[in-house]
Structure formats: structure tokens, C-alpha cells
Amino acid sequence: MTTVTDPFTPGSVVAASLTAAAVDAFDPVLRRMLAGTQVFIKQPDGRWRPRGCQLGLAQCFAFEDLEAPVQRATA
């Protein structure tokens, strides 16, 4: 079992892609839109939300759902 540590503070903005398992949870049309790199912002509760929610996504993701997050800036 691998323990993942989230080093980011709330308000951090990262560029990352979703893991295949997270993308597969969406319908085929959204899968194509979510397969590439997205920008996420860390919420106060520790989850990650797509920045701007351009696609109308109310869903938040756990740090484990993000692949290779790279910090961009703070919000």
C-alpha cells in the first residue's frame, strides 16, 4: 500500500490530469474532455475542484485522483 502525501495548501492551483479510473467514471463525451491536463484548485476540505468548473463539474477529486500535479500559482 502506498501512502500519498498532499503537500499543497488550500488555495493552491495545480496543473494535472485525472487518473484513468477517475476519467472512466464519466460518460464517454466527458471522458474525452477530461482526459488531458486540467487546472485544479485545492479546497479547504482537502479535495480538488477543477478551476472554473468550465464543464459544469460539481464533483471534487481526492489528491490520489490527480496524476503528476505541478503547482502553478496560488489563487
PDB file of N, CA and C in Angstrom:
ATOM      1  N   MET A   1       0.836  -1.172   0.000  1.00  0.00           N
ATOM      2  CA  MET A   1       0.000   0.000   0.000  1.00  0.00           C
ATOM      3  C   MET A   1       0.888   1.246   0.000  1.00  0.00           C
ATOM      4  N   THR A   2       0.587   2.180  -0.890  1.00  0.00           N
ATOM      5  CA  THR A   2       1.353   3.404  -0.991  1.00  0.00           C
ATOM      6  C   THR A   2       0.590   4.538  -0.327  1.00  0.00           C
ATOM      7  N   THR A   3       1.255   5.248   0.565  1.00  0.00           N
ATOM      8  CA  THR A   3       0.643   6.399   1.204  1.00  0.00           C
ATOM      9  C   THR A   3       1.014   7.641   0.411  1.00  0.00           C
ATOM     10  N   VAL A   4       0.005   8.403   0.028  1.00  0.00           N
ATOM     11  CA  VAL A   4       0.228   9.619  -0.746  1.00  0.00           C
ATOM     12  C   VAL A   4       0.072  10.813   0.174  1.00  0.00           C
ATOM     13  N   THR A   5       1.071  11.691   0.167  1.00  0.00           N
ATOM     14  CA  THR A   5       1.022  12.895   0.974  1.00  0.00           C
ATOM     15  C   THR A   5       0.748  14.082   0.059  1.00  0.00           C
ATOM     16  N   ASP A   6      -0.221  14.874   0.421  1.00  0.00           N
ATOM     17  CA  ASP A   6      -0.585  16.055  -0.348  1.00  0.00           C
ATOM     18  C   ASP A   6       0.142  17.250   0.257  1.00  0.00           C
ATOM     19  N   PRO A   7       1.186  17.770  -0.402  1.00  0.00           N
ATOM     20  CA  PRO A   7       1.974  18.858   0.159  1.00  0.00           C
ATOM     21  C   PRO A   7       1.388  20.248  -0.085  1.00  0.00           C
ATOM     22  N   PHE A   8       0.249  20.331  -0.757  1.00  0.00           N
ATOM     23  CA  PHE A   8      -0.307  21.624  -1.140  1.00  0.00           C
ATOM     24  C   PHE A   8      -1.245  22.196  -0.072  1.00  0.00           C
ATOM     25  N   THR A   9      -1.279  23.526   0.032  1.00  0.00           N
ATOM     26  CA  THR A   9      -2.163  24.203   0.976  1.00  0.00           C
ATOM     27  C   THR A   9      -3.459  24.573   0.261  1.00  0.00           C
ATOM     28  N   PRO A  10      -4.567  24.759   1.010  1.00  0.00           N
ATOM     29  CA  PRO A  10      -5.813  25.193   0.374  1.00  0.00           C
ATOM     30  C   PRO A  10      -5.585  26.478  -0.423  1.00  0.00           C
ATOM     31  N   GLY A  11      -6.175  26.518  -1.600  1.00  0.00           N
ATOM     32  CA  GLY A  11      -5.997  27.647  -2.492  1.00  0.00           C
ATOM     33  C   GLY A  11      -4.919  27.417  -3.529  1.00  0.00           C
ATOM     34  N   SER A  12      -4.116  26.356  -3.368  1.00  0.00           N
ATOM     35  CA  SER A  12      -3.091  26.045  -4.360  1.00  0.00           C
ATOM     36  C   SER A  12      -3.744  25.683  -5.681  1.00  0.00           C
ATOM     37  N   VAL A  13      -3.124  26.120  -6.758  1.00  0.00           N
ATOM     38  CA  VAL A  13      -3.607  25.811  -8.096  1.00  0.00           C
ATOM     39  C   VAL A  13      -2.565  24.914  -8.752  1.00  0.00           C
ATOM     40  N   VAL A  14      -3.003  23.777  -9.272  1.00  0.00           N
ATOM     41  CA  VAL A  14      -2.088  22.850  -9.920  1.00  0.00           C
ATOM     42  C   VAL A  14      -2.587  22.477 -11.308  1.00  0.00           C
ATOM     43  N   ALA A  15      -1.654  22.130 -12.166  1.00  0.00           N
ATOM     44  CA  ALA A  15      -1.979  21.558 -13.469  1.00  0.00           C
ATOM     45  C   ALA A  15      -1.769  20.057 -13.326  1.00  0.00           C
ATOM     46  N   ALA A  16      -2.780  19.287 -13.653  1.00  0.00           N
ATOM     47  CA  ALA A  16      -2.688  17.836 -13.513  1.00  0.00           C
ATOM     48  C   ALA A  16      -3.696  17.176 -14.436  1.00  0.00           C
ATOM     49  N   SER A  17      -3.510  15.904 -14.651  1.00  0.00           N
ATOM     50  CA  SER A  17      -4.512  15.123 -15.360  1.00  0.00           C
ATOM     51  C   SER A  17      -5.133  14.162 -14.354  1.00  0.00           C
ATOM     52  N   LEU A  18      -6.342  13.725 -14.654  1.00  0.00           N
ATOM     53  CA  LEU A  18      -7.013  12.759 -13.789  1.00  0.00           C
ATOM     54  C   LEU A  18      -6.518  11.359 -14.104  1.00  0.00           C
ATOM     55  N   THR A  19      -6.488  10.512 -13.099  1.00  0.00           N
ATOM     56  CA  THR A  19      -6.124   9.117 -13.326  1.00  0.00           C
ATOM     57  C   THR A  19      -7.165   8.466 -14.228  1.00  0.00           C
ATOM     58  N   ALA A  20      -6.785   7.383 -14.853  1.00  0.00           N
ATOM     59  CA  ALA A  20      -7.699   6.673 -15.753  1.00  0.00           C
ATOM     60  C   ALA A  20      -8.973   6.246 -15.022  1.00  0.00           C
ATOM     61  N   ALA A  21      -8.830   5.813 -13.779  1.00  0.00           N
ATOM     62  CA  ALA A  21     -10.008   5.382 -13.012  1.00  0.00           C
ATOM     63  C   ALA A  21     -10.984   6.536 -12.791  1.00  0.00           C
ATOM     64  N   ALA A  22     -10.478   7.736 -12.524  1.00  0.00           N
ATOM     65  CA  ALA A  22     -11.348   8.895 -12.314  1.00  0.00           C
ATOM     66  C   ALA A  22     -12.031   9.302 -13.615  1.00  0.00           C
ATOM     67  N   VAL A  23     -11.299   9.271 -14.719  1.00  0.00           N
ATOM     68  CA  VAL A  23     -11.874   9.638 -16.021  1.00  0.00           C
ATOM     69  C   VAL A  23     -12.939   8.635 -16.438  1.00  0.00           C
ATOM     70  N   ASP A  24     -12.701   7.358 -16.182  1.00  0.00           N
ATOM     71  CA  ASP A  24     -13.651   6.307 -16.576  1.00  0.00           C
ATOM     72  C   ASP A  24     -14.991   6.420 -15.867  1.00  0.00           C
ATOM     73  N   ALA A  25     -15.062   7.177 -14.774  1.00  0.00           N
ATOM     74  CA  ALA A  25     -16.315   7.332 -14.042  1.00  0.00           C
ATOM     75  C   ALA A  25     -17.310   8.228 -14.789  1.00  0.00           C
ATOM     76  N   PHE A  26     -16.850   8.952 -15.813  1.00  0.00           N
ATOM     77  CA  PHE A  26     -17.714   9.858 -16.559  1.00  0.00           C
ATOM     78  C   PHE A  26     -18.222   9.212 -17.843  1.00  0.00           C
ATOM     79  N   ASP A  27     -19.278   9.815 -18.426  1.00  0.00           N
ATOM     80  CA  ASP A  27     -19.798   9.296 -19.681  1.00  0.00           C
ATOM     81  C   ASP A  27     -18.771   9.552 -20.802  1.00  0.00           C
ATOM     82  N   PRO A  28     -18.887   8.847 -21.919  1.00  0.00           N
ATOM     83  CA  PRO A  28     -17.877   8.924 -22.983  1.00  0.00           C
ATOM     84  C   PRO A  28     -17.603  10.337 -23.510  1.00  0.00           C
ATOM     85  N   VAL A  29     -18.601  11.195 -23.583  1.00  0.00           N
ATOM     86  CA  VAL A  29     -18.385  12.553 -24.085  1.00  0.00           C
ATOM     87  C   VAL A  29     -17.484  13.334 -23.140  1.00  0.00           C
ATOM     88  N   LEU A  30     -17.749  13.255 -21.843  1.00  0.00           N
ATOM     89  CA  LEU A  30     -16.925  13.970 -20.875  1.00  0.00           C
ATOM     90  C   LEU A  30     -15.532  13.359 -20.753  1.00  0.00           C
ATOM     91  N   ARG A  31     -15.410  12.062 -20.966  1.00  0.00           N
ATOM     92  CA  ARG A  31     -14.092  11.417 -20.879  1.00  0.00           C
ATOM     93  C   ARG A  31     -13.086  12.079 -21.803  1.00  0.00           C
ATOM     94  N   ARG A  32     -13.518  12.366 -23.029  1.00  0.00           N
ATOM     95  CA  ARG A  32     -12.602  12.985 -23.990  1.00  0.00           C
ATOM     96  C   ARG A  32     -12.177  14.374 -23.522  1.00  0.00           C
ATOM     97  N   MET A  33     -13.083  15.125 -22.894  1.00  0.00           N
ATOM     98  CA  MET A  33     -12.763  16.469 -22.423  1.00  0.00           C
ATOM     99  C   MET A  33     -11.865  16.460 -21.194  1.00  0.00           C
ATOM    100  N   LEU A  34     -12.014  15.424 -20.356  1.00  0.00           N
ATOM    101  CA  LEU A  34     -11.273  15.362 -19.098  1.00  0.00           C
ATOM    102  C   LEU A  34      -9.966  14.589 -19.188  1.00  0.00           C
ATOM    103  N   ALA A  35      -9.688  13.987 -20.331  1.00  0.00           N
ATOM    104  CA  ALA A  35      -8.514  13.129 -20.444  1.00  0.00           C
ATOM    105  C   ALA A  35      -7.196  13.900 -20.423  1.00  0.00           C
ATOM    106  N   GLY A  36      -7.187  15.147 -20.822  1.00  0.00           N
ATOM    107  CA  GLY A  36      -5.948  15.924 -20.868  1.00  0.00           C
ATOM    108  C   GLY A  36      -5.662  16.632 -19.560  1.00  0.00           C
ATOM    109  N   THR A  37      -4.673  17.497 -19.614  1.00  0.00           N
ATOM    110  CA  THR A  37      -4.289  18.269 -18.436  1.00  0.00           C
ATOM    111  C   THR A  37      -5.351  19.311 -18.111  1.00  0.00           C
ATOM    112  N   GLN A  38      -5.706  19.387 -16.843  1.00  0.00           N
ATOM    113  CA  GLN A  38      -6.685  20.343 -16.353  1.00  0.00           C
ATOM    114  C   GLN A  38      -6.031  21.182 -15.268  1.00  0.00           C
ATOM    115  N   VAL A  39      -6.676  22.257 -14.879  1.00  0.00           N
ATOM    116  CA  VAL A  39      -6.196  23.075 -13.769  1.00  0.00           C
ATOM    117  C   VAL A  39      -7.150  22.853 -12.599  1.00  0.00           C
ATOM    118  N   PHE A  40      -6.589  22.495 -11.443  1.00  0.00           N
ATOM    119  CA  PHE A  40      -7.375  22.202 -10.252  1.00  0.00           C
ATOM    120  C   PHE A  40      -6.979  23.157  -9.133  1.00  0.00           C
ATOM    121  N   ILE A  41      -7.936  23.442  -8.240  1.00  0.00           N
ATOM    122  CA  ILE A  41      -7.666  24.279  -7.075  1.00  0.00           C
ATOM    123  C   ILE A  41      -8.034  23.489  -5.819  1.00  0.00           C
ATOM    124  N   LYS A  42      -7.151  23.533  -4.826  1.00  0.00           N
ATOM    125  CA  LYS A  42      -7.391  22.782  -3.591  1.00  0.00           C
ATOM    126  C   LYS A  42      -8.416  23.502  -2.727  1.00  0.00           C
ATOM    127  N   GLN A  43      -9.396  22.748  -2.276  1.00  0.00           N
ATOM    128  CA  GLN A  43     -10.468  23.268  -1.435  1.00  0.00           C
ATOM    129  C   GLN A  43     -10.071  23.189   0.044  1.00  0.00           C
ATOM    130  N   PRO A  44     -10.731  23.972   0.901  1.00  0.00           N
ATOM    131  CA  PRO A  44     -10.413  23.927   2.336  1.00  0.00           C
ATOM    132  C   PRO A  44     -10.584  22.541   2.966  1.00  0.00           C
ATOM    133  N   ASP A  45     -11.471  21.708   2.398  1.00  0.00           N
ATOM    134  CA  ASP A  45     -11.681  20.369   2.958  1.00  0.00           C
ATOM    135  C   ASP A  45     -10.658  19.353   2.456  1.00  0.00           C
ATOM    136  N   GLY A  46      -9.692  19.810   1.628  1.00  0.00           N
ATOM    137  CA  GLY A  46      -8.634  18.925   1.160  1.00  0.00           C
ATOM    138  C   GLY A  46      -8.871  18.298  -0.196  1.00  0.00           C
ATOM    139  N   ARG A  47     -10.077  18.427  -0.724  1.00  0.00           N
ATOM    140  CA  ARG A  47     -10.350  17.866  -2.045  1.00  0.00           C
ATOM    141  C   ARG A  47      -9.942  18.872  -3.121  1.00  0.00           C
ATOM    142  N   TRP A  48      -9.926  18.422  -4.369  1.00  0.00           N
ATOM    143  CA  TRP A  48      -9.527  19.241  -5.503  1.00  0.00           C
ATOM    144  C   TRP A  48     -10.702  19.429  -6.449  1.00  0.00           C
ATOM    145  N   ARG A  49     -10.908  20.668  -6.904  1.00  0.00           N
ATOM    146  CA  ARG A  49     -12.008  21.001  -7.809  1.00  0.00           C
ATOM    147  C   ARG A  49     -11.408  21.559  -9.093  1.00  0.00           C
ATOM    148  N   PRO A  50     -11.973  21.179 -10.259  1.00  0.00           N
ATOM    149  CA  PRO A  50     -11.486  21.789 -11.495  1.00  0.00           C
ATOM    150  C   PRO A  50     -11.661  23.306 -11.417  1.00  0.00           C
ATOM    151  N   ARG A  51     -10.633  24.050 -11.735  1.00  0.00           N
ATOM    152  CA  ARG A  51     -10.694  25.506 -11.634  1.00  0.00           C
ATOM    153  C   ARG A  51     -11.679  26.052 -12.655  1.00  0.00           C
ATOM    154  N   GLY A  52     -12.609  26.871 -12.192  1.00  0.00           N
ATOM    155  CA  GLY A  52     -13.613  27.466 -13.064  1.00  0.00           C
ATOM    156  C   GLY A  52     -14.795  26.557 -13.352  1.00  0.00           C
ATOM    157  N   CYS A  53     -14.629  25.276 -13.140  1.00  0.00           N
ATOM    158  CA  CYS A  53     -15.693  24.298 -13.437  1.00  0.00           C
ATOM    159  C   CYS A  53     -16.319  24.576 -14.797  1.00  0.00           C
ATOM    160  N   GLN A  54     -15.478  24.791 -15.815  1.00  0.00           N
ATOM    161  CA  GLN A  54     -15.955  25.109 -17.149  1.00  0.00           C
ATOM    162  C   GLN A  54     -16.948  24.077 -17.679  1.00  0.00           C
ATOM    163  N   LEU A  55     -16.771  22.852 -17.267  1.00  0.00           N
ATOM    164  CA  LEU A  55     -17.623  21.778 -17.781  1.00  0.00           C
ATOM    165  C   LEU A  55     -18.837  21.533 -16.895  1.00  0.00           C
ATOM    166  N   GLY A  56     -19.092  22.414 -15.948  1.00  0.00           N
ATOM    167  CA  GLY A  56     -20.220  22.243 -15.059  1.00  0.00           C
ATOM    168  C   GLY A  56     -20.009  21.135 -14.048  1.00  0.00           C
ATOM    169  N   LEU A  57     -18.763  20.812 -13.746  1.00  0.00           N
ATOM    170  CA  LEU A  57     -18.482  19.728 -12.814  1.00  0.00           C
ATOM    171  C   LEU A  57     -18.593  20.211 -11.380  1.00  0.00           C
ATOM    172  N   ALA A  58     -19.511  19.653 -10.659  1.00  0.00           N
ATOM    173  CA  ALA A  58     -19.631  19.954  -9.244  1.00  0.00           C
ATOM    174  C   ALA A  58     -18.773  18.980  -8.449  1.00  0.00           C
ATOM    175  N   GLN A  59     -18.322  17.912  -9.101  1.00  0.00           N
ATOM    176  CA  GLN A  59     -17.566  16.856  -8.437  1.00  0.00           C
ATOM    177  C   GLN A  59     -16.167  17.329  -8.058  1.00  0.00           C
ATOM    178  N   CYS A  60     -15.751  16.975  -6.857  1.00  0.00           N
ATOM    179  CA  CYS A  60     -14.382  17.229  -6.415  1.00  0.00           C
ATOM    180  C   CYS A  60     -13.623  15.911  -6.443  1.00  0.00           C
ATOM    181  N   PHE A  61     -12.301  16.006  -6.467  1.00  0.00           N
ATOM    182  CA  PHE A  61     -11.464  14.822  -6.565  1.00  0.00           C
ATOM    183  C   PHE A  61     -10.493  14.775  -5.404  1.00  0.00           C
ATOM    184  N   ALA A  62     -10.094  13.572  -5.024  1.00  0.00           N
ATOM    185  CA  ALA A  62      -9.075  13.386  -3.997  1.00  0.00           C
ATOM    186  C   ALA A  62      -7.710  13.561  -4.644  1.00  0.00           C
ATOM    187  N   PHE A  63      -6.699  13.840  -3.833  1.00  0.00           N
ATOM    188  CA  PHE A  63      -5.338  14.020  -4.354  1.00  0.00           C
ATOM    189  C   PHE A  63      -4.891  12.782  -5.124  1.00  0.00           C
ATOM    190  N   GLU A  64      -5.322  11.606  -4.689  1.00  0.00           N
ATOM    191  CA  GLU A  64      -4.956  10.362  -5.348  1.00  0.00           C
ATOM    192  C   GLU A  64      -5.542  10.265  -6.758  1.00  0.00           C
ATOM    193  N   ASP A  65      -6.581  11.065  -7.045  1.00  0.00           N
ATOM    194  CA  ASP A  65      -7.196  11.065  -8.372  1.00  0.00           C
ATOM    195  C   ASP A  65      -6.404  11.879  -9.386  1.00  0.00           C
ATOM    196  N   LEU A  66      -5.437  12.667  -8.905  1.00  0.00           N
ATOM    197  CA  LEU A  66      -4.650  13.521  -9.789  1.00  0.00           C
ATOM    198  C   LEU A  66      -3.320  12.859 -10.124  1.00  0.00           C
ATOM    199  N   GLU A  67      -2.932  12.923 -11.393  1.00  0.00           N
ATOM    200  CA  GLU A  67      -1.637  12.398 -11.813  1.00  0.00           C
ATOM    201  C   GLU A  67      -0.677  13.551 -12.028  1.00  0.00           C
ATOM    202  N   ALA A  68       0.503  13.461 -11.452  1.00  0.00           N
ATOM    203  CA  ALA A  68       1.593  14.418 -11.656  1.00  0.00           C
ATOM    204  C   ALA A  68       1.185  15.879 -11.480  1.00  0.00           C
ATOM    205  N   PRO A  69       0.614  16.243 -10.323  1.00  0.00           N
ATOM    206  CA  PRO A  69       0.267  17.661 -10.142  1.00  0.00           C
ATOM    207  C   PRO A  69       1.508  18.532 -10.061  1.00  0.00           C
ATOM    208  N   VAL A  70       1.460  19.650 -10.764  1.00  0.00           N
ATOM    209  CA  VAL A  70       2.556  20.608 -10.777  1.00  0.00           C
ATOM    210  C   VAL A  70       1.980  21.947 -10.359  1.00  0.00           C
ATOM    211  N   GLN A  71       2.514  22.535  -9.288  1.00  0.00           N
ATOM    212  CA  GLN A  71       1.965  23.783  -8.776  1.00  0.00           C
ATOM    213  C   GLN A  71       2.156  24.902  -9.789  1.00  0.00           C
ATOM    214  N   ARG A  72       1.074  25.663 -10.007  1.00  0.00           N
ATOM    215  CA  ARG A  72       1.093  26.782 -10.937  1.00  0.00           C
ATOM    216  C   ARG A  72       1.224  28.099 -10.191  1.00  0.00           C
ATOM    217  N   ALA A  73       0.300  28.362  -9.268  1.00  0.00           N
ATOM    218  CA  ALA A  73       0.271  29.624  -8.510  1.00  0.00           C
ATOM    219  C   ALA A  73      -0.755  29.470  -7.402  1.00  0.00           C
ATOM    220  N   THR A  74      -0.873  30.463  -6.561  1.00  0.00           N
ATOM    221  CA  THR A  74      -1.926  30.451  -5.544  1.00  0.00           C
ATOM    222  C   THR A  74      -3.053  31.343  -6.007  1.00  0.00           C
ATOM    223  N   ALA A  75      -4.256  30.977  -5.607  1.00  0.00           N
ATOM    224  CA  ALA A  75      -5.440  31.738  -6.024  1.00  0.00           C
ATOM    225  C   ALA A  75      -5.616  32.988  -5.209  1.00  0.00           C
TER     226      ALA A  75
END
